[in-house]
Protein backbone atom coordinates (compact mmCIF):
# COMPACT_ATOMS: atom_id res chain seq x y z
CA MET A 1 -2.74 -29.40 6.53
CA LEU A 2 -3.19 -27.97 3.05
CA ASP A 3 -0.49 -25.67 1.71
CA ASP A 4 -0.75 -22.14 3.15
CA LYS A 5 1.83 -20.07 1.28
CA ILE A 6 2.02 -16.89 -0.78
CA ARG A 7 2.68 -17.65 -4.44
CA ILE A 8 3.33 -15.52 -7.54
CA SER A 9 3.56 -16.22 -11.27
CA THR A 10 3.97 -14.09 -14.39
CA VAL A 11 3.01 -15.54 -17.78
CA ARG A 12 2.37 -14.45 -21.36
CA ARG A 13 -0.79 -15.77 -22.99
CA ASP A 14 -1.85 -15.67 -26.64
CA LYS A 15 -5.20 -16.27 -28.29
CA SER A 16 -4.57 -19.99 -28.66
CA HIS A 17 -4.30 -20.45 -24.90
CA LYS A 18 -7.52 -21.53 -23.22
CA THR A 19 -8.07 -21.36 -19.46
CA ARG A 20 -10.62 -23.36 -17.54
CA PRO A 21 -13.01 -21.79 -15.03
CA HIS A 22 -11.57 -22.44 -11.58
CA PHE A 23 -11.48 -21.24 -7.99
CA HIS A 24 -8.94 -21.29 -5.18
CA ARG A 25 -9.03 -21.50 -1.43
CA ASP A 26 -6.60 -18.54 -1.50
CA ASN A 27 -7.28 -14.93 -2.43
CA GLU A 28 -5.80 -13.55 -5.64
CA ILE A 29 -4.52 -10.28 -7.05
CA TYR A 30 -4.55 -10.33 -10.85
CA PHE A 31 -2.37 -7.67 -12.51
CA LEU A 32 -2.47 -7.15 -16.28
CA GLU A 33 0.99 -5.87 -17.18
CA GLU A 34 0.59 -5.77 -20.97
CA GLY A 35 -2.19 -6.09 -23.53
CA LYS A 36 -5.93 -6.53 -23.07
CA SER A 37 -8.14 -9.31 -21.76
CA LYS A 38 -11.45 -10.00 -20.08
CA LEU A 39 -11.86 -11.61 -16.70
CA PHE A 40 -15.03 -13.35 -15.58
CA VAL A 41 -15.44 -13.47 -11.78
CA ASP A 42 -18.58 -15.10 -10.36
CA THR A 43 -21.21 -12.49 -11.32
CA LYS A 44 -18.98 -9.90 -13.01
CA LEU A 45 -17.16 -9.57 -16.31
CA TYR A 46 -14.27 -7.10 -16.28
CA SER A 47 -12.63 -5.56 -19.33
CA LEU A 48 -8.92 -5.32 -18.52
CA THR A 49 -6.30 -3.06 -20.02
CA GLU A 50 -2.65 -2.51 -19.17
CA GLY A 51 -2.48 -1.55 -15.50
CA SER A 52 -5.70 -3.25 -14.36
CA LEU A 53 -5.51 -4.70 -10.84
CA VAL A 54 -8.25 -7.11 -9.74
CA PHE A 55 -8.78 -8.58 -6.28
CA ILE A 56 -10.54 -11.97 -6.36
CA ARG A 57 -11.75 -13.34 -3.07
CA SER A 58 -11.11 -16.99 -2.23
CA GLY A 59 -13.63 -19.47 -3.61
CA ARG A 60 -14.90 -17.23 -6.42
CA ILE A 61 -15.19 -18.92 -9.82
CA HIS A 62 -13.18 -17.06 -12.43
CA LYS A 63 -11.69 -17.38 -15.90
CA THR A 64 -9.59 -15.24 -18.24
CA LEU A 65 -11.19 -14.71 -21.64
CA ALA A 66 -9.39 -13.95 -24.90
CA GLY A 67 -8.52 -10.32 -25.52
CA ASP A 68 -8.64 -8.33 -28.75
CA ASN A 69 -4.91 -8.47 -29.33
CA ASN A 70 -2.63 -11.43 -29.89
CA SER A 71 -1.25 -11.72 -26.38
CA HIS A 72 -1.22 -10.33 -22.88
CA VAL A 73 1.09 -10.58 -19.88
CA ARG A 74 -0.39 -11.01 -16.44
CA THR A 75 0.98 -11.55 -12.95
CA VAL A 76 -1.05 -13.48 -10.39
CA LEU A 77 -0.39 -13.23 -6.65
CA MET A 78 -2.03 -15.84 -4.40
CA PHE A 79 -2.27 -15.44 -0.63
CA PRO A 80 -4.27 -16.92 2.29
CA ASP A 81 -6.87 -15.13 4.41
CA SER A 82 -4.34 -14.81 7.24
CA VAL A 83 -2.50 -12.10 5.28
CA MET A 84 -5.60 -9.90 5.37
CA ARG A 85 -6.38 -10.43 9.04
CA GLU A 86 -5.10 -6.99 9.97
CA LEU A 87 -7.45 -5.39 7.42
CA ALA A 88 -10.53 -7.09 8.88
CA GLU A 89 -10.69 -4.58 11.75
CA CYS A 90 -11.78 -1.75 9.45
CA GLY A 91 -15.58 -1.46 9.54
CA ASP A 92 -15.99 0.89 6.57
CA SER A 93 -17.79 -0.96 3.75
CA GLU A 94 -15.62 0.90 1.25
CA LEU A 95 -12.41 -0.18 2.98
CA ASN A 96 -12.97 -3.82 3.91
CA PHE A 97 -12.27 -6.72 1.60
CA LYS A 98 -14.75 -8.90 3.50
CA ASN A 99 -17.53 -6.96 1.77
CA PHE A 100 -16.39 -7.75 -1.78
CA ASP A 101 -16.21 -10.85 -3.97
CA SER A 102 -13.96 -8.88 -6.31
CA ILE A 103 -12.91 -5.31 -7.06
CA ILE A 104 -11.04 -3.71 -9.94
CA VAL A 105 -8.85 -0.61 -9.99
CA HIS A 106 -6.67 0.86 -12.71
CA VAL A 107 -3.07 1.88 -12.07
CA PRO A 108 -2.20 5.25 -13.71
CA GLU A 109 0.59 5.12 -16.27
CA ILE A 110 2.92 7.16 -14.07
CA MET A 111 2.62 4.50 -11.32
CA LEU A 112 2.88 1.39 -13.53
CA SER A 113 6.62 0.93 -13.10
CA ARG A 114 6.29 1.20 -9.32
CA VAL A 115 3.57 -1.46 -9.16
CA LYS A 116 5.49 -3.77 -11.50
CA GLN A 117 8.54 -3.37 -9.30
CA MET A 118 6.50 -4.27 -6.21
CA PHE A 119 5.52 -7.57 -7.82
CA ARG A 120 9.15 -8.20 -8.78
CA ASP A 121 10.26 -7.44 -5.19
CA ILE A 122 7.72 -9.96 -3.85
CA GLU A 123 8.96 -12.50 -6.37
CA SER A 124 12.57 -11.88 -5.37
CA GLU A 125 11.78 -12.39 -1.66
CA LEU A 126 9.89 -15.60 -2.44
CA TYR A 127 12.69 -17.15 -4.51
CA SER A 128 15.65 -15.91 -2.44
CA PRO A 129 14.25 -15.88 1.11
CA ASP A 130 15.98 -15.10 4.39
CA CYS A 131 14.68 -15.00 7.97
CA MET A 132 12.89 -11.66 7.33
CA SER A 133 11.31 -12.50 3.98
CA ASP A 134 7.95 -13.66 5.34
CA LEU A 135 7.37 -10.37 7.16
CA MET A 136 8.60 -8.37 4.18
CA ILE A 137 6.31 -10.19 1.72
CA ARG A 138 3.24 -9.90 3.94
CA GLY A 139 3.95 -6.21 4.44
CA MET A 140 4.17 -5.61 0.68
CA VAL A 141 0.96 -7.55 0.00
CA ILE A 142 -0.91 -5.61 2.71
CA ASN A 143 0.46 -2.35 1.31
CA MET A 144 -0.83 -3.32 -2.15
CA LEU A 145 -4.26 -4.25 -0.78
CA ILE A 146 -4.60 -0.99 1.17
CA ASN A 147 -3.71 1.05 -1.91
CA MET A 148 -6.27 -0.92 -3.96
CA LEU A 149 -8.98 -0.25 -1.37
CA ARG A 150 -8.19 3.44 -1.20
CA ARG A 151 -8.20 3.79 -4.98
CA TYR A 152 -11.44 1.80 -5.24
CA SER A 153 -13.16 3.99 -2.61
CA ARG A 154 -12.33 7.09 -4.68
CA GLN A 155 -13.88 5.66 -7.86
CA SER A 156 -17.35 6.92 -8.74
CA TYR A 157 -20.32 4.55 -8.88
CA GLU A 158 -20.59 5.23 -12.61
CA TYR A 159 -16.95 4.26 -13.19
CA ARG A 160 -17.37 1.03 -11.23
CA SER A 161 -20.46 0.14 -13.24
CA GLU A 162 -18.59 0.70 -16.50
CA GLN A 163 -15.97 -1.84 -15.44
CA ASP A 164 -18.59 -4.56 -14.89
CA MET A 165 -19.91 -5.62 -18.30
CA LEU A 166 -21.82 -8.79 -17.46
CA ASP A 167 -25.28 -8.93 -19.02
CA ASP A 168 -28.15 -8.44 -16.53
CA VAL A 169 -29.85 -11.60 -17.79
CA ILE A 170 -26.77 -13.72 -17.11
CA ARG A 171 -26.29 -12.10 -13.72
CA GLY A 172 -29.89 -13.03 -12.93
CA ALA A 173 -29.20 -16.62 -13.99
CA ILE A 174 -26.13 -16.81 -11.76
CA ASP A 175 -28.13 -15.43 -8.83
CA TYR A 176 -30.71 -18.17 -9.52
CA ILE A 177 -27.93 -20.78 -9.34
CA ARG A 178 -26.76 -19.34 -6.02
CA MET A 179 -30.24 -19.63 -4.57
CA ASN A 180 -31.02 -23.12 -5.94
CA TYR A 181 -27.72 -25.00 -6.41
CA SER A 182 -28.63 -27.52 -3.68
CA SER A 183 -31.68 -28.71 -5.60
CA GLY A 184 -31.78 -30.52 -8.93
CA ILE A 185 -31.88 -27.38 -11.08
CA SER A 186 -31.18 -27.73 -14.79
CA LEU A 187 -30.30 -25.55 -17.73
CA GLY A 188 -33.99 -25.60 -18.68
CA ASP A 189 -35.08 -24.42 -15.23
CA THR A 190 -32.61 -21.54 -15.31
CA ALA A 191 -33.49 -20.59 -18.88
CA SER A 192 -37.16 -20.50 -17.90
CA HIS A 193 -36.33 -18.29 -14.91
CA VAL A 194 -34.78 -15.67 -17.23
CA ASN A 195 -37.48 -16.13 -19.90
CA MET A 196 -35.30 -17.65 -22.61
CA SER A 197 -35.31 -20.84 -24.62
CA PRO A 198 -32.76 -23.39 -23.32
CA THR A 199 -30.81 -23.35 -26.59
CA TYR A 200 -30.48 -19.57 -26.80
CA PHE A 201 -29.75 -19.28 -23.08
CA SER A 202 -27.02 -21.93 -23.27
CA LYS A 203 -25.26 -20.11 -26.11
CA LYS A 204 -25.65 -16.72 -24.43
CA PHE A 205 -24.31 -17.98 -21.09
CA LYS A 206 -21.20 -19.44 -22.74
CA ARG A 207 -20.68 -16.35 -24.92
CA GLU A 208 -20.98 -13.90 -22.02
CA THR A 209 -18.97 -15.80 -19.40
CA GLY A 210 -16.72 -18.10 -21.39
CA VAL A 211 -18.04 -20.94 -19.24
CA GLY A 212 -20.68 -23.54 -20.12
CA PHE A 213 -23.75 -23.57 -17.86
CA LYS A 214 -23.23 -27.14 -16.64
CA GLU A 215 -19.57 -26.53 -15.94
CA TYR A 216 -20.32 -23.36 -13.98
CA LEU A 217 -23.02 -25.13 -11.94
CA CYS A 218 -20.66 -28.02 -11.16
CA LYS A 219 -17.86 -25.63 -10.12
CA TYR A 220 -20.23 -23.69 -7.90
CA ARG A 221 -21.42 -26.88 -6.18
CA LEU A 222 -17.83 -28.03 -5.68
CA ARG A 223 -16.99 -24.69 -4.10
CA LYS A 224 -19.82 -25.18 -1.60
CA ALA A 225 -18.73 -28.78 -0.99
CA GLU A 226 -15.20 -27.63 -0.17
CA LYS A 227 -16.53 -25.30 2.50
CA LEU A 228 -18.57 -28.09 4.07
CA LEU A 229 -15.60 -30.45 4.07
CA ARG A 230 -13.43 -27.81 5.73
CA SER A 231 -16.02 -26.99 8.40
CA GLU A 232 -15.72 -28.31 11.95
CA ASP A 233 -19.17 -29.92 11.85
CA PHE A 234 -18.91 -33.50 10.66
CA VAL A 235 -21.01 -34.22 7.60
CA SER A 236 -20.73 -37.51 5.72
CA ILE A 237 -19.50 -37.46 2.12
CA THR A 238 -22.94 -38.63 1.00
CA ASP A 239 -24.58 -35.75 2.91
CA VAL A 240 -22.12 -33.25 1.43
CA ALA A 241 -22.99 -34.46 -2.06
CA GLU A 242 -26.72 -34.17 -1.36
CA LYS A 243 -26.50 -30.76 0.31
CA CYS A 244 -24.56 -29.39 -2.67
CA GLY A 245 -26.94 -30.68 -5.34
CA PHE A 246 -25.02 -33.75 -6.50
CA GLY A 247 -27.63 -36.47 -6.86
CA ASP A 248 -24.97 -39.20 -7.06
CA SER A 249 -22.22 -39.37 -4.41
CA ASN A 250 -19.97 -41.36 -6.77
CA TYR A 251 -20.23 -38.63 -9.41
CA PHE A 252 -19.51 -36.05 -6.70
CA ALA A 253 -16.37 -37.91 -5.63
CA THR A 254 -15.17 -38.13 -9.24
CA ALA A 255 -15.83 -34.43 -9.91
CA PHE A 256 -14.17 -33.42 -6.64
CA LYS A 257 -11.05 -35.48 -7.37
CA SER A 258 -10.84 -33.98 -10.86
CA GLU A 259 -10.91 -30.45 -9.37
CA TYR A 260 -8.71 -30.96 -6.28
CA GLY A 261 -6.52 -33.92 -7.26
CA MET A 262 -7.76 -36.00 -4.34
CA PRO A 263 -11.02 -37.63 -3.19
CA PRO A 264 -13.21 -35.65 -0.74
CA ASN A 265 -12.46 -37.88 2.26
CA ARG A 266 -8.72 -37.30 1.88
CA PHE A 267 -9.27 -33.58 1.37
CA ARG A 268 -11.18 -33.46 4.67
CA HIS A 269 -8.39 -35.31 6.44
CA LEU A 270 -5.71 -32.93 5.14
CA SER A 271 -7.84 -29.88 5.98
CA ASP A 272 -8.16 -31.05 9.57
CA GLY A 273 -4.48 -31.84 9.90
């Protein structure tokens, strides 16, 4: 079975550091402790400042973009769906993570030290565990998620819209990819859909998201392939490649191994284990 643990990391990044667009099978809480940055998540682009907390649902393509200052410090907390199982019972659309690909809230300055300490407490339990650490960590993560949901539900629609800066044209292009990824769509097809020349669209897509069009399309298809490989219904590797828009199963296998570190048939075996 694939690894199913809670993980945490805190790092400092400067302008020279470049991140690749990626996605995880786990959920993520991204906390900007210092500085400024931008975070692209699927169809949204968030402008982050000190105290920004972002929930990113599993499987969503995301990437940190360079900020205006020389560096920023961020903490990332990764956790499986099982941690949020207790929250799935709430039917309110404003208080249920199942209804969101991502959400952003801002921690007030007077609460920053408390939130930072919560991350440090989780880190301490992870690196010096005892027989109660698993329950303690899960409790702290659930507490953090509930507070994020409550704060998000109190934010006005206008405030939420201000946090999402992604251009409407690019959002339309990403929606087009979502609807047509299984077919042989191209940059030209997508550019035509949003009424732009391929050259201008390509530059705009990369400028707005920090991700090249072809790379985003490949990542999106791999995300869909992962879900098929993890499903209980048996689908051959060739069928997975075809259903996800990869015209060549050999290219699909190479791209999948590059992303996951293993070929798709081994990934399926480990997922079923």
